[in-house]
Amino acid sequence: MNRIVLVCGSYHREAVERMATTVRDRAGELGLEIAAERWVPGALECPLALQQMLGRDDVDGAVLLGIIERGETQHGLAMGQAVVQAVLNLQLATGKPVGMGVIGPSAEPQHIEPRLLPYACKAVEAVAEMLS
């Protein structure tokens, strides 16, 4: 059985917890075991947490969950691009897949609810596919 980790941004804790529950359920259906979970303050802390957890010998991949809302400036867009680039680099450096279940950047409130569960499912399904 492949083992994965779950890294979650806690800025939108209630919504991301719903995503995490979906990932836990779907991971079990796909034959994946969640070896550990880590909650971090926000998107910028995700790459470091992923690096630490993907460095474990007993971990085969990861799922990243979070929400980056549209703000009044381009901060969220710049942050989102930086996080995606860091995650891509981690995948290539470790050879371990990361499923991106991040809504945004620039998500508006009406975009969040309909994307929560589909993004969570697609993130864990992507990891399962890459590990098969």
N, C-alpha and C. Protein backbone atom coordinates (compact mmCIF):
# COMPACT_ATOMS: atom_id res chain seq x y z
N MET A 1 0.84 -1.18 0.00
CA MET A 1 0.00 0.00 0.00
C MET A 1 0.88 1.24 0.00
N ASN A 2 0.58 2.18 -0.91
CA ASN A 2 1.31 3.43 -0.95
C ASN A 2 0.86 4.35 0.18
N ARG A 3 1.83 5.07 0.73
CA ARG A 3 1.56 5.98 1.84
C ARG A 3 1.77 7.41 1.38
N ILE A 4 0.80 8.26 1.72
CA ILE A 4 0.90 9.66 1.35
C ILE A 4 0.72 10.52 2.60
N VAL A 5 1.07 11.79 2.45
CA VAL A 5 0.86 12.76 3.52
C VAL A 5 -0.10 13.82 3.01
N LEU A 6 -0.70 14.50 3.95
CA LEU A 6 -1.66 15.55 3.65
C LEU A 6 -1.18 16.83 4.30
N VAL A 7 -1.01 17.88 3.49
CA VAL A 7 -0.61 19.19 3.99
C VAL A 7 -1.75 20.15 3.70
N CYS A 8 -2.21 20.84 4.75
CA CYS A 8 -3.39 21.70 4.64
C CYS A 8 -3.10 23.10 5.15
N GLY A 9 -3.51 24.09 4.37
CA GLY A 9 -3.45 25.47 4.83
C GLY A 9 -4.62 25.76 5.75
N SER A 10 -4.35 26.32 6.91
CA SER A 10 -5.40 26.51 7.91
C SER A 10 -6.07 27.87 7.87
N TYR A 11 -5.71 28.71 6.92
CA TYR A 11 -6.30 30.05 6.86
C TYR A 11 -7.82 29.97 6.68
N HIS A 12 -8.27 29.03 5.89
CA HIS A 12 -9.71 28.77 5.69
C HIS A 12 -10.02 27.41 6.30
N ARG A 13 -9.76 27.25 7.56
CA ARG A 13 -9.76 25.96 8.25
C ARG A 13 -11.04 25.15 8.04
N GLU A 14 -12.19 25.76 8.21
CA GLU A 14 -13.45 25.01 8.13
C GLU A 14 -13.64 24.41 6.73
N ALA A 15 -13.41 25.20 5.71
CA ALA A 15 -13.58 24.71 4.33
C ALA A 15 -12.52 23.66 3.99
N VAL A 16 -11.28 23.91 4.39
CA VAL A 16 -10.20 22.98 4.06
C VAL A 16 -10.37 21.67 4.84
N GLU A 17 -10.95 21.73 6.03
CA GLU A 17 -11.21 20.49 6.77
C GLU A 17 -12.20 19.62 6.01
N ARG A 18 -13.18 20.22 5.36
CA ARG A 18 -14.10 19.44 4.53
C ARG A 18 -13.35 18.79 3.37
N MET A 19 -12.42 19.51 2.78
CA MET A 19 -11.60 18.94 1.70
C MET A 19 -10.78 17.77 2.24
N ALA A 20 -10.19 17.96 3.42
CA ALA A 20 -9.34 16.92 4.01
C ALA A 20 -10.14 15.65 4.29
N THR A 21 -11.36 15.80 4.76
CA THR A 21 -12.22 14.64 5.01
C THR A 21 -12.47 13.89 3.70
N THR A 22 -12.71 14.63 2.64
CA THR A 22 -12.91 14.01 1.32
C THR A 22 -11.66 13.27 0.87
N VAL A 23 -10.49 13.87 1.08
CA VAL A 23 -9.23 13.22 0.70
C VAL A 23 -9.03 11.94 1.51
N ARG A 24 -9.28 12.00 2.80
CA ARG A 24 -9.12 10.80 3.63
C ARG A 24 -10.00 9.66 3.12
N ASP A 25 -11.26 9.98 2.85
CA ASP A 25 -12.19 8.96 2.36
C ASP A 25 -11.78 8.41 1.01
N ARG A 26 -11.46 9.31 0.08
CA ARG A 26 -11.11 8.88 -1.28
C ARG A 26 -9.78 8.14 -1.29
N ALA A 27 -8.84 8.55 -0.46
CA ALA A 27 -7.56 7.85 -0.39
C ALA A 27 -7.77 6.39 -0.01
N GLY A 28 -8.61 6.14 0.97
CA GLY A 28 -8.91 4.76 1.37
C GLY A 28 -9.52 3.96 0.24
N GLU A 29 -10.42 4.58 -0.51
CA GLU A 29 -11.04 3.90 -1.65
C GLU A 29 -10.01 3.56 -2.72
N LEU A 30 -8.99 4.38 -2.83
CA LEU A 30 -7.96 4.19 -3.85
C LEU A 30 -6.80 3.32 -3.37
N GLY A 31 -6.88 2.83 -2.14
CA GLY A 31 -5.82 1.99 -1.61
C GLY A 31 -4.61 2.75 -1.12
N LEU A 32 -4.78 4.02 -0.78
CA LEU A 32 -3.69 4.84 -0.24
C LEU A 32 -3.87 5.00 1.25
N GLU A 33 -2.78 4.96 1.96
CA GLU A 33 -2.80 5.20 3.41
C GLU A 33 -2.25 6.59 3.68
N ILE A 34 -2.94 7.35 4.51
CA ILE A 34 -2.43 8.66 4.89
C ILE A 34 -1.54 8.46 6.11
N ALA A 35 -0.24 8.65 5.89
CA ALA A 35 0.77 8.40 6.91
C ALA A 35 0.83 9.52 7.95
N ALA A 36 0.50 10.74 7.52
CA ALA A 36 0.57 11.89 8.43
C ALA A 36 -0.18 13.05 7.81
N GLU A 37 -0.57 13.97 8.68
CA GLU A 37 -1.21 15.21 8.26
C GLU A 37 -0.51 16.37 8.94
N ARG A 38 -0.42 17.47 8.22
CA ARG A 38 0.19 18.66 8.81
C ARG A 38 -0.61 19.88 8.38
N TRP A 39 -1.00 20.68 9.35
CA TRP A 39 -1.69 21.93 9.10
C TRP A 39 -0.70 23.06 9.26
N VAL A 40 -0.67 23.96 8.29
CA VAL A 40 0.25 25.10 8.31
C VAL A 40 -0.58 26.38 8.24
N PRO A 41 0.01 27.52 8.62
CA PRO A 41 -0.76 28.78 8.65
C PRO A 41 -1.38 29.17 7.31
N GLY A 42 -0.63 29.05 6.23
CA GLY A 42 -1.14 29.49 4.94
C GLY A 42 -0.34 28.92 3.79
N ALA A 43 -0.59 29.44 2.61
CA ALA A 43 0.01 28.90 1.39
C ALA A 43 1.55 28.96 1.38
N LEU A 44 2.11 30.03 1.89
CA LEU A 44 3.56 30.18 1.82
C LEU A 44 4.31 29.17 2.68
N GLU A 45 3.65 28.60 3.66
CA GLU A 45 4.30 27.60 4.51
C GLU A 45 4.18 26.19 3.94
N CYS A 46 3.34 26.02 2.96
CA CYS A 46 3.11 24.68 2.39
C CYS A 46 4.35 24.04 1.78
N PRO A 47 5.14 24.75 0.97
CA PRO A 47 6.31 24.09 0.37
C PRO A 47 7.30 23.53 1.39
N LEU A 48 7.56 24.27 2.46
CA LEU A 48 8.49 23.77 3.48
C LEU A 48 7.92 22.53 4.17
N ALA A 49 6.64 22.57 4.52
CA ALA A 49 6.02 21.39 5.14
C ALA A 49 6.07 20.19 4.19
N LEU A 50 5.78 20.43 2.91
CA LEU A 50 5.86 19.34 1.93
C LEU A 50 7.28 18.79 1.83
N GLN A 51 8.26 19.67 1.78
CA GLN A 51 9.65 19.22 1.69
C GLN A 51 10.01 18.33 2.88
N GLN A 52 9.63 18.75 4.07
CA GLN A 52 9.94 17.97 5.26
C GLN A 52 9.24 16.61 5.22
N MET A 53 8.00 16.60 4.81
CA MET A 53 7.24 15.34 4.83
C MET A 53 7.60 14.42 3.66
N LEU A 54 7.88 14.99 2.50
CA LEU A 54 8.28 14.15 1.36
C LEU A 54 9.68 13.57 1.56
N GLY A 55 10.44 14.14 2.48
CA GLY A 55 11.77 13.61 2.78
C GLY A 55 11.73 12.33 3.60
N ARG A 56 10.58 11.98 4.09
CA ARG A 56 10.45 10.74 4.87
C ARG A 56 10.55 9.53 3.96
N ASP A 57 11.27 8.51 4.41
CA ASP A 57 11.42 7.29 3.61
C ASP A 57 10.14 6.49 3.50
N ASP A 58 9.22 6.69 4.44
CA ASP A 58 7.97 5.91 4.44
C ASP A 58 6.83 6.60 3.72
N VAL A 59 7.13 7.63 2.94
CA VAL A 59 6.11 8.41 2.23
C VAL A 59 6.37 8.35 0.74
N ASP A 60 5.29 8.10 -0.02
CA ASP A 60 5.39 7.97 -1.48
C ASP A 60 4.87 9.19 -2.24
N GLY A 61 4.09 10.04 -1.60
CA GLY A 61 3.51 11.20 -2.26
C GLY A 61 2.77 12.07 -1.26
N ALA A 62 2.12 13.11 -1.78
CA ALA A 62 1.43 14.05 -0.90
C ALA A 62 0.23 14.67 -1.61
N VAL A 63 -0.67 15.18 -0.79
CA VAL A 63 -1.78 16.00 -1.27
C VAL A 63 -1.70 17.33 -0.53
N LEU A 64 -1.82 18.40 -1.29
CA LEU A 64 -1.80 19.75 -0.74
C LEU A 64 -3.18 20.37 -0.90
N LEU A 65 -3.73 20.90 0.19
CA LEU A 65 -5.05 21.51 0.16
C LEU A 65 -5.00 22.94 0.69
N GLY A 66 -5.73 23.82 0.05
CA GLY A 66 -5.80 25.19 0.53
C GLY A 66 -6.68 26.05 -0.36
N ILE A 67 -6.82 27.29 0.03
CA ILE A 67 -7.61 28.27 -0.71
C ILE A 67 -6.84 29.58 -0.73
N ILE A 68 -6.68 30.14 -1.91
CA ILE A 68 -6.05 31.46 -2.05
C ILE A 68 -7.10 32.38 -2.69
N GLU A 69 -7.68 33.24 -1.87
CA GLU A 69 -8.73 34.13 -2.33
C GLU A 69 -8.18 35.35 -3.06
N ARG A 70 -9.06 35.94 -3.86
CA ARG A 70 -8.73 37.20 -4.52
C ARG A 70 -8.72 38.29 -3.46
N GLY A 71 -7.68 39.06 -3.47
CA GLY A 71 -7.58 40.20 -2.56
C GLY A 71 -7.68 41.50 -3.34
N GLU A 72 -7.37 42.57 -2.70
CA GLU A 72 -7.42 43.88 -3.35
C GLU A 72 -6.14 44.18 -4.12
N THR A 73 -5.11 43.35 -3.92
CA THR A 73 -3.86 43.53 -4.65
C THR A 73 -3.52 42.22 -5.38
N GLN A 74 -2.39 42.17 -6.01
CA GLN A 74 -1.93 40.97 -6.72
C GLN A 74 -1.14 40.02 -5.82
N HIS A 75 -1.17 40.25 -4.51
CA HIS A 75 -0.42 39.42 -3.57
C HIS A 75 -0.77 37.94 -3.70
N GLY A 76 -2.05 37.61 -3.76
CA GLY A 76 -2.48 36.22 -3.85
C GLY A 76 -1.99 35.55 -5.12
N LEU A 77 -2.02 36.28 -6.23
CA LEU A 77 -1.54 35.73 -7.49
C LEU A 77 -0.04 35.42 -7.41
N ALA A 78 0.73 36.38 -6.90
CA ALA A 78 2.18 36.16 -6.77
C ALA A 78 2.47 35.01 -5.83
N MET A 79 1.74 34.94 -4.73
CA MET A 79 1.92 33.88 -3.75
C MET A 79 1.57 32.53 -4.38
N GLY A 80 0.45 32.46 -5.08
CA GLY A 80 0.04 31.22 -5.73
C GLY A 80 1.06 30.73 -6.73
N GLN A 81 1.58 31.62 -7.54
CA GLN A 81 2.58 31.23 -8.53
C GLN A 81 3.85 30.72 -7.86
N ALA A 82 4.26 31.37 -6.79
CA ALA A 82 5.46 30.94 -6.06
C ALA A 82 5.26 29.55 -5.46
N VAL A 83 4.09 29.31 -4.88
CA VAL A 83 3.82 28.01 -4.26
C VAL A 83 3.78 26.92 -5.31
N VAL A 84 3.11 27.16 -6.43
CA VAL A 84 3.05 26.15 -7.49
C VAL A 84 4.45 25.83 -7.99
N GLN A 85 5.28 26.83 -8.22
CA GLN A 85 6.64 26.58 -8.69
C GLN A 85 7.44 25.77 -7.68
N ALA A 86 7.31 26.11 -6.41
CA ALA A 86 8.02 25.37 -5.36
C ALA A 86 7.55 23.91 -5.31
N VAL A 87 6.25 23.69 -5.44
CA VAL A 87 5.72 22.32 -5.41
C VAL A 87 6.21 21.53 -6.62
N LEU A 88 6.21 22.15 -7.78
CA LEU A 88 6.74 21.47 -8.98
C LEU A 88 8.20 21.09 -8.77
N ASN A 89 8.98 21.99 -8.21
CA ASN A 89 10.39 21.71 -7.95
C ASN A 89 10.56 20.56 -6.97
N LEU A 90 9.70 20.52 -5.94
CA LEU A 90 9.77 19.43 -4.96
C LEU A 90 9.45 18.08 -5.60
N GLN A 91 8.45 18.06 -6.47
CA GLN A 91 8.11 16.81 -7.16
C GLN A 91 9.30 16.30 -7.96
N LEU A 92 9.93 17.20 -8.69
CA LEU A 92 11.06 16.81 -9.53
C LEU A 92 12.27 16.40 -8.69
N ALA A 93 12.49 17.10 -7.58
CA ALA A 93 13.65 16.80 -6.73
C ALA A 93 13.49 15.48 -5.99
N THR A 94 12.26 15.18 -5.55
CA THR A 94 12.05 13.98 -4.75
C THR A 94 11.58 12.79 -5.57
N GLY A 95 11.03 13.05 -6.76
CA GLY A 95 10.44 11.98 -7.55
C GLY A 95 9.13 11.48 -6.97
N LYS A 96 8.51 12.29 -6.10
CA LYS A 96 7.27 11.92 -5.44
C LYS A 96 6.16 12.88 -5.88
N PRO A 97 5.00 12.34 -6.27
CA PRO A 97 3.92 13.21 -6.75
C PRO A 97 3.23 13.99 -5.64
N VAL A 98 2.77 15.18 -6.01
CA VAL A 98 1.98 16.01 -5.11
C VAL A 98 0.70 16.38 -5.84
N GLY A 99 -0.42 16.03 -5.27
CA GLY A 99 -1.72 16.42 -5.82
C GLY A 99 -2.09 17.79 -5.29
N MET A 100 -2.35 18.71 -6.21
CA MET A 100 -2.65 20.10 -5.83
C MET A 100 -4.15 20.30 -5.72
N GLY A 101 -4.63 20.37 -4.51
CA GLY A 101 -6.02 20.68 -4.26
C GLY A 101 -6.14 22.08 -3.70
N VAL A 102 -5.59 23.03 -4.44
CA VAL A 102 -5.60 24.42 -3.99
C VAL A 102 -6.57 25.20 -4.88
N ILE A 103 -7.56 25.80 -4.26
CA ILE A 103 -8.51 26.63 -4.98
C ILE A 103 -7.92 28.03 -5.06
N GLY A 104 -7.82 28.55 -6.28
CA GLY A 104 -7.23 29.87 -6.49
C GLY A 104 -5.89 29.71 -7.16
N PRO A 105 -5.11 30.74 -7.26
CA PRO A 105 -5.32 32.04 -6.62
C PRO A 105 -6.45 32.84 -7.28
N SER A 106 -6.79 33.90 -6.63
CA SER A 106 -7.83 34.83 -7.08
C SER A 106 -9.23 34.24 -7.02
N ALA A 107 -9.44 33.28 -6.13
CA ALA A 107 -10.78 32.72 -5.97
C ALA A 107 -11.67 33.75 -5.28
N GLU A 108 -12.87 33.88 -5.79
CA GLU A 108 -13.86 34.74 -5.15
C GLU A 108 -14.77 33.86 -4.31
N PRO A 109 -15.43 34.44 -3.31
CA PRO A 109 -16.24 33.62 -2.40
C PRO A 109 -17.20 32.65 -3.10
N GLN A 110 -17.82 33.06 -4.17
CA GLN A 110 -18.77 32.17 -4.85
C GLN A 110 -18.09 31.03 -5.61
N HIS A 111 -16.78 31.10 -5.80
CA HIS A 111 -16.03 30.05 -6.47
C HIS A 111 -15.65 28.91 -5.53
N ILE A 112 -15.62 29.18 -4.25
CA ILE A 112 -15.04 28.23 -3.30
C ILE A 112 -15.92 27.01 -3.07
N GLU A 113 -17.13 27.20 -2.66
CA GLU A 113 -18.00 26.08 -2.29
C GLU A 113 -18.13 25.01 -3.38
N PRO A 114 -18.41 25.39 -4.63
CA PRO A 114 -18.58 24.33 -5.63
C PRO A 114 -17.28 23.61 -6.00
N ARG A 115 -16.15 24.14 -5.60
CA ARG A 115 -14.86 23.52 -5.95
C ARG A 115 -14.28 22.67 -4.82
N LEU A 116 -14.77 22.82 -3.60
CA LEU A 116 -14.15 22.15 -2.45
C LEU A 116 -13.97 20.65 -2.66
N LEU A 117 -15.03 19.93 -2.83
CA LEU A 117 -14.94 18.47 -2.91
C LEU A 117 -14.34 17.99 -4.23
N PRO A 118 -14.70 18.59 -5.38
CA PRO A 118 -14.06 18.14 -6.63
C PRO A 118 -12.54 18.33 -6.63
N TYR A 119 -12.06 19.46 -6.12
CA TYR A 119 -10.61 19.69 -6.09
C TYR A 119 -9.93 18.69 -5.17
N ALA A 120 -10.55 18.39 -4.04
CA ALA A 120 -9.97 17.42 -3.11
C ALA A 120 -9.88 16.04 -3.75
N CYS A 121 -10.96 15.62 -4.40
CA CYS A 121 -10.96 14.31 -5.07
C CYS A 121 -9.92 14.24 -6.17
N LYS A 122 -9.87 15.27 -7.01
CA LYS A 122 -8.93 15.26 -8.13
C LYS A 122 -7.49 15.25 -7.65
N ALA A 123 -7.20 15.92 -6.53
CA ALA A 123 -5.83 15.96 -6.01
C ALA A 123 -5.37 14.58 -5.59
N VAL A 124 -6.19 13.86 -4.83
CA VAL A 124 -5.78 12.53 -4.36
C VAL A 124 -5.82 11.52 -5.51
N GLU A 125 -6.74 11.69 -6.45
CA GLU A 125 -6.78 10.80 -7.61
C GLU A 125 -5.53 10.98 -8.48
N ALA A 126 -5.04 12.20 -8.60
CA ALA A 126 -3.82 12.45 -9.37
C ALA A 126 -2.62 11.73 -8.75
N VAL A 127 -2.52 11.79 -7.43
CA VAL A 127 -1.42 11.12 -6.75
C VAL A 127 -1.53 9.61 -6.95
N ALA A 128 -2.73 9.07 -6.78
CA ALA A 128 -2.94 7.62 -6.97
C ALA A 128 -2.53 7.20 -8.38
N GLU A 129 -2.91 8.00 -9.36
CA GLU A 129 -2.57 7.69 -10.76
C GLU A 129 -1.05 7.68 -10.96
N MET A 130 -0.38 8.66 -10.39
CA MET A 130 1.08 8.75 -10.56
C MET A 130 1.81 7.64 -9.82
N LEU A 131 1.20 7.09 -8.78
CA LEU A 131 1.84 6.02 -8.02
C LEU A 131 1.52 4.63 -8.58
N SER A 132 0.60 4.56 -9.53
CA SER A 132 0.22 3.23 -10.05
C SER A 132 1.16 2.76 -11.14
